[in-house]
Amino acid sequence: MKNRTIAGSIGTEIRRRILDGRYPAGSQLRQDGLAAEFGASRIPVREALFQLEAEGLVRILPHRGAMVAPLSAADAAEALELRAALEPRLLALSAPRLTDDDYARADALLEEYAAALRAGATARWGALNTELHLLLYGRAERPRALGLVGSLLAECDRYTRLQLSTDSAELERADREHREIVRLCRNGHVSAACALLTDHIDHVAAALMAFLGTAPGAAPMTAIV
C-alpha cells in the first residue's frame, strides 16, 4: 500500500511536468534519476510510469526504457472520438440526478476557470476542465465509463493546453460553452445540453487537428479524421 501511495504522488508530479512542457515529447524518463530525485526506490517510479503509459502520456519501449509520448494527431483524434461517443451518454444519465451541491461546485469551478483564463494560468485550465466534466457525469453510475473518460481527458489535456495557450478566443469559447451546458442541465434541458456537449467536443477536435497540423514535433494525422 505504501508503494502505491508513493507511486501515485510520483505519477502526479511527472504528469504535471509533462503537461506543463517541462518534460517535452520524446524526452527520456530514467527510472534511476527519478528515483533519486523523489527519494524513492525504483518500484514506485516504475508503477507511476506504467500508469502514465496507460494514460497515453508515456511510452515504455523494450531496451530503451520510458519516454514522454510524442504528440500524435491520430492519437488525439481517437481520444476525442471516444470522448464524443461516451460523454454525451454519461451526461444524459447523470444530469437528471445532479444535486444542488453539484451545481454549487460547478459554479465554483466555472469561476475558477474564468480567473485562470484572466491570469493566463495554463496549468489550471486542464485540471479545472477535467474536474468540471467529471462532476457533470458523476451521477451516471457508470464507474468504468467514467474512469475511461477521466483517462481520455488526461490524455487530451496535453494537446488542448498547447492549443489553447496560443488562442484566447478558443479559451473564451470553451468557457461560454461550459456555462451554457451547466445552465441547460440545471434547467432540465438535458437533450440540449448533450447536443451542445457533442458540438463542444467536435469543435475541440477540429481546432486541435488544425493546430497539430502545424505544431512542431506532431506526427501527421493518419487513420481518423
Protein backbone atom coordinates (compact mmCIF):
# COMPACT_ATOMS: atom_id res chain seq x y z
CA MET A 1 0.00 0.00 0.00
CA LYS A 2 2.84 2.38 0.84
CA ASN A 3 4.44 1.87 -2.59
CA ARG A 4 1.09 2.58 -4.26
CA THR A 5 0.74 5.84 -2.35
CA ILE A 6 4.28 6.88 -3.30
CA ALA A 7 3.69 5.82 -6.90
CA GLY A 8 0.54 7.96 -7.01
CA SER A 9 2.41 11.03 -5.75
CA ILE A 10 5.28 10.48 -8.17
CA GLY A 11 2.87 9.92 -11.05
CA THR A 12 1.02 13.14 -10.25
CA GLU A 13 4.25 15.15 -10.36
CA ILE A 14 5.55 13.55 -13.56
CA ARG A 15 2.15 14.10 -15.18
CA ARG A 16 2.25 17.77 -14.19
CA ARG A 17 5.72 18.19 -15.68
CA ILE A 18 4.67 16.56 -18.96
CA LEU A 19 1.55 18.72 -19.24
CA ASP A 20 3.49 21.87 -18.38
CA GLY A 21 6.11 21.08 -21.02
CA ARG A 22 8.96 20.63 -18.56
CA TYR A 23 9.35 17.12 -19.94
CA PRO A 24 8.91 17.63 -23.71
CA ALA A 25 7.76 14.99 -26.16
CA GLY A 26 10.41 12.34 -26.80
CA SER A 27 12.46 13.05 -23.68
CA GLN A 28 13.77 10.10 -21.68
CA LEU A 29 12.38 9.35 -18.22
CA ARG A 30 15.16 7.46 -16.49
CA GLN A 31 13.99 5.41 -13.54
CA ASP A 32 17.24 5.72 -11.59
CA GLY A 33 17.29 9.50 -11.94
CA LEU A 34 13.63 9.87 -10.99
CA ALA A 35 14.02 7.54 -8.01
CA ALA A 36 16.96 9.59 -6.75
CA GLU A 37 15.11 12.87 -7.27
CA PHE A 38 11.98 11.70 -5.45
CA GLY A 39 13.89 9.84 -2.74
CA ALA A 40 12.17 6.57 -3.57
CA SER A 41 13.04 3.12 -4.83
CA ARG A 42 12.61 2.21 -8.49
CA ILE A 43 9.46 0.17 -7.73
CA PRO A 44 7.02 3.09 -7.20
CA VAL A 45 8.68 5.01 -10.04
CA ARG A 46 8.06 2.05 -12.34
CA GLU A 47 4.43 1.82 -11.17
CA ALA A 48 3.95 5.52 -11.82
CA LEU A 49 5.36 5.22 -15.33
CA PHE A 50 3.11 2.25 -16.10
CA GLN A 51 0.09 4.32 -15.04
CA LEU A 52 1.18 7.24 -17.19
CA GLU A 53 1.64 4.83 -20.09
CA ALA A 54 -1.97 3.73 -19.63
CA GLU A 55 -2.98 7.40 -19.86
CA GLY A 56 -1.10 7.83 -23.13
CA LEU A 57 1.44 10.27 -21.70
CA VAL A 58 4.42 7.89 -21.56
CA ARG A 59 5.73 5.12 -23.78
CA ILE A 60 7.81 2.27 -22.38
CA LEU A 61 9.95 0.65 -25.07
CA PRO A 62 11.94 -2.60 -24.81
CA HIS A 63 15.63 -1.95 -24.18
CA ARG A 64 15.05 1.81 -24.30
CA GLY A 65 13.05 2.49 -21.16
CA ALA A 66 10.42 5.16 -20.70
CA MET A 67 10.00 8.31 -22.76
CA VAL A 68 7.42 11.07 -22.97
CA ALA A 69 4.99 10.06 -25.70
CA PRO A 70 5.28 12.12 -28.87
CA LEU A 71 2.45 14.39 -29.92
CA SER A 72 0.28 12.45 -32.35
CA ALA A 73 -2.68 13.90 -34.20
CA ALA A 74 -4.01 10.38 -34.78
CA ASP A 75 -3.92 9.58 -31.05
CA ALA A 76 -5.60 12.87 -30.19
CA ALA A 77 -8.30 12.32 -32.82
CA GLU A 78 -9.04 8.84 -31.49
CA ALA A 79 -9.23 10.09 -27.90
CA LEU A 80 -11.66 12.84 -28.90
CA GLU A 81 -13.73 10.42 -30.97
CA LEU A 82 -14.11 8.21 -27.89
CA ARG A 83 -14.98 11.23 -25.75
CA ALA A 84 -17.69 12.28 -28.21
CA ALA A 85 -19.17 8.77 -28.01
CA LEU A 86 -19.06 8.43 -24.22
CA GLU A 87 -19.51 11.85 -22.65
CA PRO A 88 -22.96 12.84 -24.01
CA ARG A 89 -24.28 9.44 -22.91
CA LEU A 90 -22.85 9.90 -19.42
CA LEU A 91 -24.28 13.41 -19.22
CA ALA A 92 -27.73 12.16 -20.25
CA LEU A 93 -27.66 9.64 -17.41
CA SER A 94 -26.12 11.95 -14.83
CA ALA A 95 -27.76 15.33 -15.39
CA PRO A 96 -31.22 14.44 -14.01
CA ARG A 97 -29.54 13.28 -10.79
CA LEU A 98 -27.24 16.25 -10.19
CA THR A 99 -27.80 17.90 -6.82
CA ASP A 100 -27.76 21.48 -5.62
CA ASP A 101 -24.33 20.79 -4.14
CA ASP A 102 -23.14 19.54 -7.53
CA TYR A 103 -24.30 22.74 -9.21
CA ALA A 104 -22.72 24.85 -6.48
CA ARG A 105 -19.41 23.09 -7.14
CA ALA A 106 -19.88 23.51 -10.92
CA ASP A 107 -20.43 27.26 -10.45
CA ALA A 108 -17.28 27.48 -8.32
CA LEU A 109 -15.27 25.62 -10.97
CA LEU A 110 -16.53 27.95 -13.68
CA GLU A 111 -15.43 30.97 -11.66
CA GLU A 112 -12.03 29.39 -11.03
CA TYR A 113 -11.72 28.71 -14.76
CA ALA A 114 -12.56 32.34 -15.59
CA ALA A 115 -9.96 33.54 -13.07
CA ALA A 116 -7.35 31.19 -14.52
CA LEU A 117 -8.20 32.46 -18.01
CA ARG A 118 -7.67 36.07 -16.94
CA ALA A 119 -4.40 35.18 -15.22
CA GLY A 120 -3.10 33.04 -18.09
CA ALA A 121 -2.66 30.15 -15.65
CA THR A 122 -2.35 27.34 -18.17
CA ALA A 123 -1.59 24.75 -15.50
CA ARG A 124 -5.09 25.26 -14.07
CA TRP A 125 -7.13 25.12 -17.28
CA GLY A 126 -6.81 21.41 -17.86
CA ALA A 127 -7.33 20.41 -14.23
CA LEU A 128 -10.46 22.56 -13.93
CA ASN A 129 -11.81 21.33 -17.27
CA THR A 130 -11.36 17.71 -16.21
CA GLU A 131 -12.95 18.28 -12.80
CA LEU A 132 -15.96 20.04 -14.32
CA HIS A 133 -16.60 17.35 -16.92
CA LEU A 134 -16.25 14.52 -14.40
CA LEU A 135 -18.52 16.35 -11.95
CA LEU A 136 -21.25 16.63 -14.58
CA TYR A 137 -21.01 12.89 -15.34
CA GLY A 138 -20.52 11.75 -11.77
CA ARG A 139 -24.15 10.75 -11.10
CA ALA A 140 -24.36 8.43 -14.12
CA GLU A 141 -23.48 5.35 -12.02
CA ARG A 142 -21.14 4.10 -14.74
CA PRO A 143 -17.79 3.86 -12.91
CA ARG A 144 -15.87 2.08 -15.68
CA ALA A 145 -17.01 4.52 -18.35
CA LEU A 146 -16.26 7.43 -16.01
CA GLY A 147 -12.76 6.06 -15.38
CA LEU A 148 -12.16 5.76 -19.12
CA VAL A 149 -13.35 9.31 -19.71
CA GLY A 150 -11.04 10.50 -16.94
CA SER A 151 -8.08 8.89 -18.72
CA LEU A 152 -9.15 10.37 -22.06
CA LEU A 153 -9.46 13.84 -20.55
CA ALA A 154 -5.96 13.50 -19.08
CA GLU A 155 -4.61 12.45 -22.47
CA CYS A 156 -6.38 15.27 -24.29
CA ASP A 157 -5.27 17.83 -21.72
CA ARG A 158 -1.72 17.74 -23.03
CA TYR A 159 -2.84 18.58 -26.54
CA THR A 160 -5.56 21.10 -25.76
CA ARG A 161 -3.38 23.00 -23.30
CA LEU A 162 -0.82 23.60 -26.06
CA GLN A 163 -3.51 24.71 -28.48
CA LEU A 164 -5.49 26.88 -26.07
CA SER A 165 -2.38 28.64 -24.80
CA THR A 166 -1.97 30.11 -28.30
CA ASP A 167 -5.62 31.09 -28.88
CA SER A 168 -7.50 33.14 -26.29
CA ALA A 169 -10.68 33.06 -28.41
CA GLU A 170 -10.83 29.28 -28.01
CA LEU A 171 -10.46 29.64 -24.25
CA GLU A 172 -13.34 32.10 -24.12
CA ARG A 173 -15.48 29.86 -26.30
CA ALA A 174 -14.82 26.89 -24.01
CA ASP A 175 -15.82 29.00 -21.00
CA ARG A 176 -19.08 30.09 -22.67
CA GLU A 177 -19.98 26.56 -23.71
CA HIS A 178 -19.23 25.13 -20.27
CA ARG A 179 -21.51 27.71 -18.68
CA GLU A 180 -24.28 27.00 -21.15
CA ILE A 181 -24.04 23.23 -20.63
CA VAL A 182 -24.36 23.73 -16.88
CA ARG A 183 -27.27 26.15 -17.34
CA LEU A 184 -29.13 23.74 -19.62
CA CYS A 185 -28.65 20.84 -17.20
CA ARG A 186 -29.81 22.95 -14.25
CA ASN A 187 -32.98 23.95 -16.12
CA GLY A 188 -33.78 20.37 -17.11
CA HIS A 189 -32.90 20.74 -20.80
CA VAL A 190 -30.77 17.62 -20.84
CA SER A 191 -31.09 16.80 -24.55
CA ALA A 192 -29.98 20.31 -25.49
CA ALA A 193 -27.07 20.05 -23.06
CA CYS A 194 -25.98 16.75 -24.61
CA ALA A 195 -26.22 18.20 -28.12
CA LEU A 196 -24.09 21.18 -27.09
CA LEU A 197 -21.58 18.88 -25.41
CA THR A 198 -21.26 16.90 -28.65
CA ASP A 199 -20.70 20.12 -30.62
CA HIS A 200 -18.22 21.27 -27.95
CA ILE A 201 -16.09 18.13 -28.30
CA ASP A 202 -16.38 18.11 -32.11
CA HIS A 203 -15.20 21.73 -32.26
CA VAL A 204 -12.26 20.97 -29.98
CA ALA A 205 -11.35 18.06 -32.26
CA ALA A 206 -11.46 20.19 -35.43
CA ALA A 207 -9.48 23.05 -33.85
CA LEU A 208 -6.93 20.68 -32.39
CA MET A 209 -6.39 18.84 -35.67
CA ALA A 210 -5.79 22.17 -37.39
CA PHE A 211 -3.32 23.13 -34.66
CA LEU A 212 -1.47 19.81 -34.70
CA GLY A 213 -1.12 20.00 -38.44
CA THR A 214 1.36 22.83 -37.90
CA ALA A 215 2.68 22.04 -34.39
CA PRO A 216 6.42 21.18 -34.32
CA GLY A 217 7.03 17.55 -33.49
CA ALA A 218 3.46 16.44 -34.09
CA ALA A 219 3.02 13.22 -36.01
CA PRO A 220 0.80 13.66 -39.07
CA MET A 221 -2.81 12.57 -38.72
CA THR A 222 -3.50 9.31 -40.48
CA ALA A 223 -6.37 6.99 -39.68
CA ILE A 224 -9.04 9.19 -38.11
CA VAL A 225 -10.42 12.44 -39.50
